[in-house]
Amino acid sequence: MKPLHQQYVVVMRHDDRIDNFESLWVSTAARPWDPPLIQEGQVRAFCTCRKIRTQVGFPIHCTFLN
């Protein structure tokens, strides 16, 4: 019997957050629980997503960022 519906989930994790590189950032941050990526992390995330998009073999319909 052929499946009625297939769903794929791709998970990507990173550690290029500013609080891992600048220890004093958290003491002056407006949202210390939500550190942004450093510039290199943004570039790496963009390149990884572009690579995922071209290699997964199925369309990506939804993304979730946290």
C-alpha atoms as a PDB file:
ATOM      1  CA  MET A   1       0.000   0.000   0.000  1.00  0.00           C
ATOM      2  CA  LYS A   2       1.377   3.399  -0.980  1.00  0.00           C
ATOM      3  CA  PRO A   3       1.704   5.972   1.840  1.00  0.00           C
ATOM      4  CA  LEU A   4      -0.860   8.753   1.709  1.00  0.00           C
ATOM      5  CA  HIS A   5       1.486  11.453   2.926  1.00  0.00           C
ATOM      6  CA  GLN A   6       5.206  11.811   3.535  1.00  0.00           C
ATOM      7  CA  GLN A   7       6.808  14.535   5.560  1.00  0.00           C
ATOM      8  CA  TYR A   8      10.499  15.272   6.068  1.00  0.00           C
ATOM      9  CA  VAL A   9      12.055  17.325   8.831  1.00  0.00           C
ATOM     10  CA  VAL A  10      15.511  18.870   8.509  1.00  0.00           C
ATOM     11  CA  VAL A  11      17.092  20.132  11.733  1.00  0.00           C
ATOM     12  CA  MET A  12      20.059  22.473  11.804  1.00  0.00           C
ATOM     13  CA  ARG A  13      21.836  23.593  14.953  1.00  0.00           C
ATOM     14  CA  HIS A  14      24.510  26.224  15.364  1.00  0.00           C
ATOM     15  CA  ASP A  15      26.814  27.532  18.081  1.00  0.00           C
ATOM     16  CA  ASP A  16      28.036  30.740  16.487  1.00  0.00           C
ATOM     17  CA  ARG A  17      26.028  32.895  18.894  1.00  0.00           C
ATOM     18  CA  ILE A  18      27.477  36.143  20.156  1.00  0.00           C
ATOM     19  CA  ASP A  19      27.345  35.009  23.796  1.00  0.00           C
ATOM     20  CA  ASN A  20      29.812  32.219  22.981  1.00  0.00           C
ATOM     21  CA  PHE A  21      32.338  34.760  21.690  1.00  0.00           C
ATOM     22  CA  GLU A  22      31.733  37.901  23.780  1.00  0.00           C
ATOM     23  CA  SER A  23      31.192  37.055  27.439  1.00  0.00           C
ATOM     24  CA  LEU A  24      30.161  40.612  28.390  1.00  0.00           C
ATOM     25  CA  TRP A  25      27.395  40.724  25.779  1.00  0.00           C
ATOM     26  CA  VAL A  26      24.809  39.211  28.125  1.00  0.00           C
ATOM     27  CA  SER A  27      25.279  41.951  30.759  1.00  0.00           C
ATOM     28  CA  THR A  28      24.225  44.689  28.310  1.00  0.00           C
ATOM     29  CA  ALA A  29      21.730  42.786  26.153  1.00  0.00           C
ATOM     30  CA  ALA A  30      18.091  43.821  25.990  1.00  0.00           C
ATOM     31  CA  ARG A  31      17.175  40.150  25.377  1.00  0.00           C
ATOM     32  CA  PRO A  32      19.923  38.065  27.021  1.00  0.00           C
ATOM     33  CA  TRP A  33      17.940  34.842  26.482  1.00  0.00           C
ATOM     34  CA  ASP A  34      17.969  35.365  22.691  1.00  0.00           C
ATOM     35  CA  PRO A  35      21.559  35.914  21.499  1.00  0.00           C
ATOM     36  CA  PRO A  36      22.020  36.626  17.783  1.00  0.00           C
ATOM     37  CA  LEU A  37      24.508  34.893  15.532  1.00  0.00           C
ATOM     38  CA  ILE A  38      27.843  36.548  14.889  1.00  0.00           C
ATOM     39  CA  GLN A  39      28.487  37.591  11.281  1.00  0.00           C
ATOM     40  CA  GLU A  40      30.420  34.406  10.489  1.00  0.00           C
ATOM     41  CA  GLY A  41      27.545  32.348  11.899  1.00  0.00           C
ATOM     42  CA  GLN A  42      25.040  34.157   9.687  1.00  0.00           C
ATOM     43  CA  VAL A  43      27.159  33.452   6.616  1.00  0.00           C
ATOM     44  CA  ARG A  44      27.617  29.795   7.610  1.00  0.00           C
ATOM     45  CA  ALA A  45      23.866  29.366   8.236  1.00  0.00           C
ATOM     46  CA  PHE A  46      23.028  30.948   4.864  1.00  0.00           C
ATOM     47  CA  CYS A  47      25.503  28.699   3.021  1.00  0.00           C
ATOM     48  CA  THR A  48      24.266  25.597   4.837  1.00  0.00           C
ATOM     49  CA  CYS A  49      20.635  26.399   4.024  1.00  0.00           C
ATOM     50  CA  ARG A  50      21.489  26.979   0.382  1.00  0.00           C
ATOM     51  CA  LYS A  51      23.275  23.620   0.283  1.00  0.00           C
ATOM     52  CA  ILE A  52      20.346  21.862   1.971  1.00  0.00           C
ATOM     53  CA  ARG A  53      17.916  23.417  -0.510  1.00  0.00           C
ATOM     54  CA  THR A  54      19.874  22.122  -3.497  1.00  0.00           C
ATOM     55  CA  GLN A  55      20.567  18.636  -2.113  1.00  0.00           C
ATOM     56  CA  VAL A  56      17.473  17.425  -0.245  1.00  0.00           C
ATOM     57  CA  GLY A  57      15.541  16.363  -3.344  1.00  0.00           C
ATOM     58  CA  PHE A  58      12.182  17.673  -2.186  1.00  0.00           C
ATOM     59  CA  PRO A  59      10.586  21.128  -1.961  1.00  0.00           C
ATOM     60  CA  ILE A  60      10.835  23.093   1.288  1.00  0.00           C
ATOM     61  CA  HIS A  61       7.454  24.560   2.193  1.00  0.00           C
ATOM     62  CA  CYS A  62       7.943  25.775   5.752  1.00  0.00           C
ATOM     63  CA  THR A  63      10.763  26.917   8.005  1.00  0.00           C
ATOM     64  CA  PHE A  64      10.841  27.425  11.760  1.00  0.00           C
ATOM     65  CA  LEU A  65      13.416  29.583  13.515  1.00  0.00           C
ATOM     66  CA  ASN A  66      14.008  29.644  17.209  1.00  0.00           C
END
